[in-house]
Each structure stands twice: as structure tokens, then as C-alpha cells.
């Protein structure tokens, strides 16, 4: 949540994942991955996060 609260512009999933990856690795038993979801029936894309005013 801190990574999203500090966002001041439009942020896609890549920088958000970069900020979250290390803390998740330290506290969880699994290693997070950021990659395409294969065979999902869509053309791709990414999430965009915009802070509310």
C-alpha cells in the first residue's frame, strides 16, 4: 500500500511490482513473478494505477 500511496502519476504494474517484490520475498514462502498470463483469452495489456485526488 505504501508504494501505491506514494504514487503521484500514472503507474503501470512494472514499477509497482519492483517496489513490492523484495518485501514479499522476505515475508512469504513464495517468490512473486511479474509476467504474462498465458491462454487467458485476451490480447495482453497491463493495469494502470492512478491516485485519487
PDB file of N, CA and C in Angstrom:
ATOM      1  N   UNK A   1       0.820  -1.196   0.000  1.00  0.00           N
ATOM      2  CA  UNK A   1       0.000   0.000   0.000  1.00  0.00           C
ATOM      3  C   UNK A   1       0.865   1.261   0.000  1.00  0.00           C
ATOM      4  N   UNK A   2       2.017   1.200   0.653  1.00  0.00           N
ATOM      5  CA  UNK A   2       2.904   2.366   0.674  1.00  0.00           C
ATOM      6  C   UNK A   2       3.341   2.748  -0.734  1.00  0.00           C
ATOM      7  N   UNK A   3       3.630   1.755  -1.562  1.00  0.00           N
ATOM      8  CA  UNK A   3       4.052   2.029  -2.948  1.00  0.00           C
ATOM      9  C   UNK A   3       2.945   2.736  -3.713  1.00  0.00           C
ATOM     10  N   UNK A   4       1.708   2.354  -3.468  1.00  0.00           N
ATOM     11  CA  UNK A   4       0.602   2.992  -4.177  1.00  0.00           C
ATOM     12  C   UNK A   4       0.304   4.371  -3.601  1.00  0.00           C
ATOM     13  N   UNK A   5       0.422   4.533  -2.288  1.00  0.00           N
ATOM     14  CA  UNK A   5       0.157   5.838  -1.666  1.00  0.00           C
ATOM     15  C   UNK A   5       1.178   6.887  -2.094  1.00  0.00           C
ATOM     16  N   UNK A   6       2.417   6.472  -2.345  1.00  0.00           N
ATOM     17  CA  UNK A   6       3.449   7.426  -2.736  1.00  0.00           C
ATOM     18  C   UNK A   6       3.399   7.776  -4.219  1.00  0.00           C
ATOM     19  N   UNK A   7       2.561   7.105  -4.984  1.00  0.00           N
ATOM     20  CA  UNK A   7       2.435   7.349  -6.418  1.00  0.00           C
ATOM     21  C   UNK A   7       1.810   8.722  -6.672  1.00  0.00           C
ATOM     22  N   UNK A   8       2.465   9.514  -7.532  1.00  0.00           N
ATOM     23  CA  UNK A   8       1.962  10.848  -7.868  1.00  0.00           C
ATOM     24  C   UNK A   8       1.573  10.975  -9.340  1.00  0.00           C
ATOM     25  N   UNK A   9       1.690   9.907 -10.083  1.00  0.00           N
ATOM     26  CA  UNK A   9       1.347   9.950 -11.502  1.00  0.00           C
ATOM     27  C   UNK A   9       0.688   8.632 -11.887  1.00  0.00           C
ATOM     28  N   UNK A  10       0.570   8.375 -13.170  1.00  0.00           N
ATOM     29  CA  UNK A  10       0.039   7.105 -13.644  1.00  0.00           C
ATOM     30  C   UNK A  10       1.155   6.071 -13.534  1.00  0.00           C
ATOM     31  N   UNK A  11       0.880   4.971 -12.874  1.00  0.00           N
ATOM     32  CA  UNK A  11       1.885   3.924 -12.673  1.00  0.00           C
ATOM     33  C   UNK A  11       1.333   2.614 -13.223  1.00  0.00           C
ATOM     34  N   UNK A  12       2.121   1.947 -14.061  1.00  0.00           N
ATOM     35  CA  UNK A  12       1.695   0.626 -14.522  1.00  0.00           C
ATOM     36  C   UNK A  12       2.237  -0.435 -13.565  1.00  0.00           C
ATOM     37  N   UNK A  13       1.989  -1.681 -13.849  1.00  0.00           N
ATOM     38  CA  UNK A  13       2.337  -2.766 -12.943  1.00  0.00           C
ATOM     39  C   UNK A  13       3.822  -2.989 -12.735  1.00  0.00           C
ATOM     40  N   UNK A  14       4.660  -2.600 -13.706  1.00  0.00           N
ATOM     41  CA  UNK A  14       6.093  -2.872 -13.600  1.00  0.00           C
ATOM     42  C   UNK A  14       6.752  -2.147 -12.420  1.00  0.00           C
ATOM     43  N   UNK A  15       6.626  -0.826 -12.285  1.00  0.00           N
ATOM     44  CA  UNK A  15       7.249  -0.178 -11.127  1.00  0.00           C
ATOM     45  C   UNK A  15       6.608  -0.579  -9.806  1.00  0.00           C
ATOM     46  N   UNK A  16       5.316  -0.847  -9.821  1.00  0.00           N
ATOM     47  CA  UNK A  16       4.653  -1.299  -8.604  1.00  0.00           C
ATOM     48  C   UNK A  16       5.224  -2.645  -8.166  1.00  0.00           C
ATOM     49  N   UNK A  17       5.375  -3.554  -9.107  1.00  0.00           N
ATOM     50  CA  UNK A  17       5.958  -4.850  -8.788  1.00  0.00           C
ATOM     51  C   UNK A  17       7.383  -4.692  -8.264  1.00  0.00           C
ATOM     52  N   UNK A  18       8.161  -3.810  -8.873  1.00  0.00           N
ATOM     53  CA  UNK A  18       9.546  -3.595  -8.431  1.00  0.00           C
ATOM     54  C   UNK A  18       9.605  -3.142  -6.976  1.00  0.00           C
ATOM     55  N   UNK A  19       8.660  -2.303  -6.575  1.00  0.00           N
ATOM     56  CA  UNK A  19       8.635  -1.818  -5.194  1.00  0.00           C
ATOM     57  C   UNK A  19       8.149  -2.885  -4.214  1.00  0.00           C
ATOM     58  N   UNK A  20       7.306  -3.797  -4.663  1.00  0.00           N
ATOM     59  CA  UNK A  20       6.708  -4.801  -3.778  1.00  0.00           C
ATOM     60  C   UNK A  20       7.505  -6.099  -3.716  1.00  0.00           C
ATOM     61  N   UNK A  21       8.305  -6.383  -4.722  1.00  0.00           N
ATOM     62  CA  UNK A  21       8.955  -7.689  -4.847  1.00  0.00           C
ATOM     63  C   UNK A  21       9.791  -8.070  -3.629  1.00  0.00           C
ATOM     64  N   UNK A  22      10.723  -7.240  -3.244  1.00  0.00           N
ATOM     65  CA  UNK A  22      11.630  -7.575  -2.141  1.00  0.00           C
ATOM     66  C   UNK A  22      10.888  -7.785  -0.817  1.00  0.00           C
ATOM     67  N   UNK A  23       9.993  -6.894  -0.395  1.00  0.00           N
ATOM     68  CA  UNK A  23       9.267  -7.146   0.855  1.00  0.00           C
ATOM     69  C   UNK A  23       8.462  -8.450   0.840  1.00  0.00           C
ATOM     70  N   UNK A  24       7.908  -8.806  -0.313  1.00  0.00           N
ATOM     71  CA  UNK A  24       7.148 -10.055  -0.409  1.00  0.00           C
ATOM     72  C   UNK A  24       8.084 -11.254  -0.291  1.00  0.00           C
ATOM     73  N   UNK A  25       9.235 -11.200  -0.955  1.00  0.00           N
ATOM     74  CA  UNK A  25      10.201 -12.299  -0.874  1.00  0.00           C
ATOM     75  C   UNK A  25      10.635 -12.536   0.571  1.00  0.00           C
ATOM     76  N   UNK A  26      10.836 -11.460   1.308  1.00  0.00           N
ATOM     77  CA  UNK A  26      11.300 -11.563   2.692  1.00  0.00           C
ATOM     78  C   UNK A  26      10.247 -12.197   3.598  1.00  0.00           C
ATOM     79  N   UNK A  27       8.974 -11.901   3.372  1.00  0.00           N
ATOM     80  CA  UNK A  27       7.932 -12.339   4.305  1.00  0.00           C
ATOM     81  C   UNK A  27       7.131 -13.557   3.850  1.00  0.00           C
ATOM     82  N   UNK A  28       7.216 -13.923   2.579  1.00  0.00           N
ATOM     83  CA  UNK A  28       6.395 -15.031   2.075  1.00  0.00           C
ATOM     84  C   UNK A  28       7.262 -16.240   1.726  1.00  0.00           C
ATOM     85  N   UNK A  29       6.639 -17.375   1.627  1.00  0.00           N
ATOM     86  CA  UNK A  29       7.346 -18.604   1.270  1.00  0.00           C
ATOM     87  C   UNK A  29       7.514 -18.761  -0.240  1.00  0.00           C
ATOM     88  N   UNK A  30       6.885 -17.898  -1.006  1.00  0.00           N
ATOM     89  CA  UNK A  30       6.952 -17.983  -2.464  1.00  0.00           C
ATOM     90  C   UNK A  30       7.635 -16.741  -3.022  1.00  0.00           C
ATOM     91  N   UNK A  31       8.172 -16.877  -4.219  1.00  0.00           N
ATOM     92  CA  UNK A  31       8.793 -15.748  -4.902  1.00  0.00           C
ATOM     93  C   UNK A  31       7.817 -15.209  -5.943  1.00  0.00           C
ATOM     94  N   UNK A  32       7.452 -13.942  -5.846  1.00  0.00           N
ATOM     95  CA  UNK A  32       6.499 -13.380  -6.806  1.00  0.00           C
ATOM     96  C   UNK A  32       7.116 -13.237  -8.195  1.00  0.00           C
ATOM     97  N   UNK A  33       6.266 -13.331  -9.218  1.00  0.00           N
ATOM     98  CA  UNK A  33       6.687 -13.143 -10.613  1.00  0.00           C
ATOM     99  C   UNK A  33       5.767 -12.132 -11.261  1.00  0.00           C
ATOM    100  N   UNK A  34       6.306 -11.403 -12.199  1.00  0.00           N
ATOM    101  CA  UNK A  34       5.512 -10.466 -12.978  1.00  0.00           C
ATOM    102  C   UNK A  34       5.669 -10.886 -14.431  1.00  0.00           C
ATOM    103  N   UNK A  35       4.641 -11.487 -14.985  1.00  0.00           N
ATOM    104  CA  UNK A  35       4.746 -11.989 -16.356  1.00  0.00           C
ATOM    105  C   UNK A  35       3.364 -12.053 -16.996  1.00  0.00           C
ATOM    106  N   UNK A  36       3.347 -12.417 -18.262  1.00  0.00           N
ATOM    107  CA  UNK A  36       2.086 -12.559 -18.991  1.00  0.00           C
ATOM    108  C   UNK A  36       1.272 -13.714 -18.423  1.00  0.00           C
ATOM    109  N   UNK A  37      -0.033 -13.563 -18.490  1.00  0.00           N
ATOM    110  CA  UNK A  37      -0.940 -14.658 -18.143  1.00  0.00           C
ATOM    111  C   UNK A  37      -1.258 -15.358 -19.455  1.00  0.00           C
ATOM    112  N   UNK A  38      -0.724 -16.517 -19.635  1.00  0.00           N
ATOM    113  CA  UNK A  38      -0.871 -17.235 -20.907  1.00  0.00           C
ATOM    114  C   UNK A  38      -2.249 -17.906 -21.013  1.00  0.00           C
ATOM    115  N   UNK A  39      -2.731 -18.005 -22.243  1.00  0.00           N
ATOM    116  CA  UNK A  39      -4.010 -18.662 -22.548  1.00  0.00           C
ATOM    117  C   UNK A  39      -5.177 -18.073 -21.767  1.00  0.00           C
ATOM    118  N   UNK A  40      -5.157 -16.758 -21.591  1.00  0.00           N
ATOM    119  CA  UNK A  40      -6.224 -16.095 -20.845  1.00  0.00           C
ATOM    120  C   UNK A  40      -7.325 -15.572 -21.759  1.00  0.00           C
ATOM    121  N   UNK A  41      -7.118 -15.664 -23.066  1.00  0.00           N
ATOM    122  CA  UNK A  41      -8.156 -15.243 -24.000  1.00  0.00           C
ATOM    123  C   UNK A  41      -8.217 -13.737 -24.219  1.00  0.00           C
ATOM    124  N   UNK A  42      -7.101 -13.034 -24.027  1.00  0.00           N
ATOM    125  CA  UNK A  42      -7.085 -11.599 -24.277  1.00  0.00           C
ATOM    126  C   UNK A  42      -5.824 -11.230 -25.052  1.00  0.00           C
ATOM    127  N   UNK A  43      -5.734  -9.987 -25.474  1.00  0.00           N
ATOM    128  CA  UNK A  43      -4.611  -9.523 -26.290  1.00  0.00           C
ATOM    129  C   UNK A  43      -3.460  -8.971 -25.469  1.00  0.00           C
ATOM    130  N   UNK A  44      -3.518  -9.053 -24.175  1.00  0.00           N
ATOM    131  CA  UNK A  44      -2.452  -8.516 -23.328  1.00  0.00           C
ATOM    132  C   UNK A  44      -2.850  -7.188 -22.732  1.00  0.00           C
ATOM    133  N   UNK A  45      -1.878  -6.498 -22.207  1.00  0.00           N
ATOM    134  CA  UNK A  45      -2.128  -5.209 -21.579  1.00  0.00           C
ATOM    135  C   UNK A  45      -1.568  -5.201 -20.169  1.00  0.00           C
ATOM    136  N   UNK A  46      -1.872  -4.164 -19.453  1.00  0.00           N
ATOM    137  CA  UNK A  46      -1.365  -4.009 -18.102  1.00  0.00           C
ATOM    138  C   UNK A  46      -2.375  -3.212 -17.291  1.00  0.00           C
ATOM    139  N   UNK A  47      -2.242  -3.257 -15.989  1.00  0.00           N
ATOM    140  CA  UNK A  47      -3.056  -2.432 -15.119  1.00  0.00           C
ATOM    141  C   UNK A  47      -2.401  -1.071 -14.992  1.00  0.00           C
ATOM    142  N   UNK A  48      -3.207  -0.030 -14.903  1.00  0.00           N
ATOM    143  CA  UNK A  48      -2.722   1.322 -14.663  1.00  0.00           C
ATOM    144  C   UNK A  48      -3.317   1.805 -13.347  1.00  0.00           C
ATOM    145  N   UNK A  49      -2.461   2.368 -12.506  1.00  0.00           N
ATOM    146  CA  UNK A  49      -2.891   2.848 -11.195  1.00  0.00           C
ATOM    147  C   UNK A  49      -2.749   4.353 -11.159  1.00  0.00           C
ATOM    148  N   UNK A  50      -3.837   5.036 -10.781  1.00  0.00           N
ATOM    149  CA  UNK A  50      -3.868   6.497 -10.704  1.00  0.00           C
ATOM    150  C   UNK A  50      -4.389   6.863  -9.330  1.00  0.00           C
ATOM    151  N   UNK A  51      -3.629   7.695  -8.615  1.00  0.00           N
ATOM    152  CA  UNK A  51      -4.042   8.106  -7.275  1.00  0.00           C
ATOM    153  C   UNK A  51      -5.250   9.043  -7.354  1.00  0.00           C
ATOM    154  N   UNK A  52      -6.222   8.783  -6.504  1.00  0.00           N
ATOM    155  CA  UNK A  52      -7.378   9.651  -6.424  1.00  0.00           C
ATOM    156  C   UNK A  52      -6.982  10.977  -5.776  1.00  0.00           C
ATOM    157  N   UNK A  53      -7.645  12.028  -6.196  1.00  0.00           N
ATOM    158  CA  UNK A  53      -7.354  13.340  -5.597  1.00  0.00           C
ATOM    159  C   UNK A  53      -8.233  13.585  -4.400  1.00  0.00           C
TER     160      UNK A  53
END
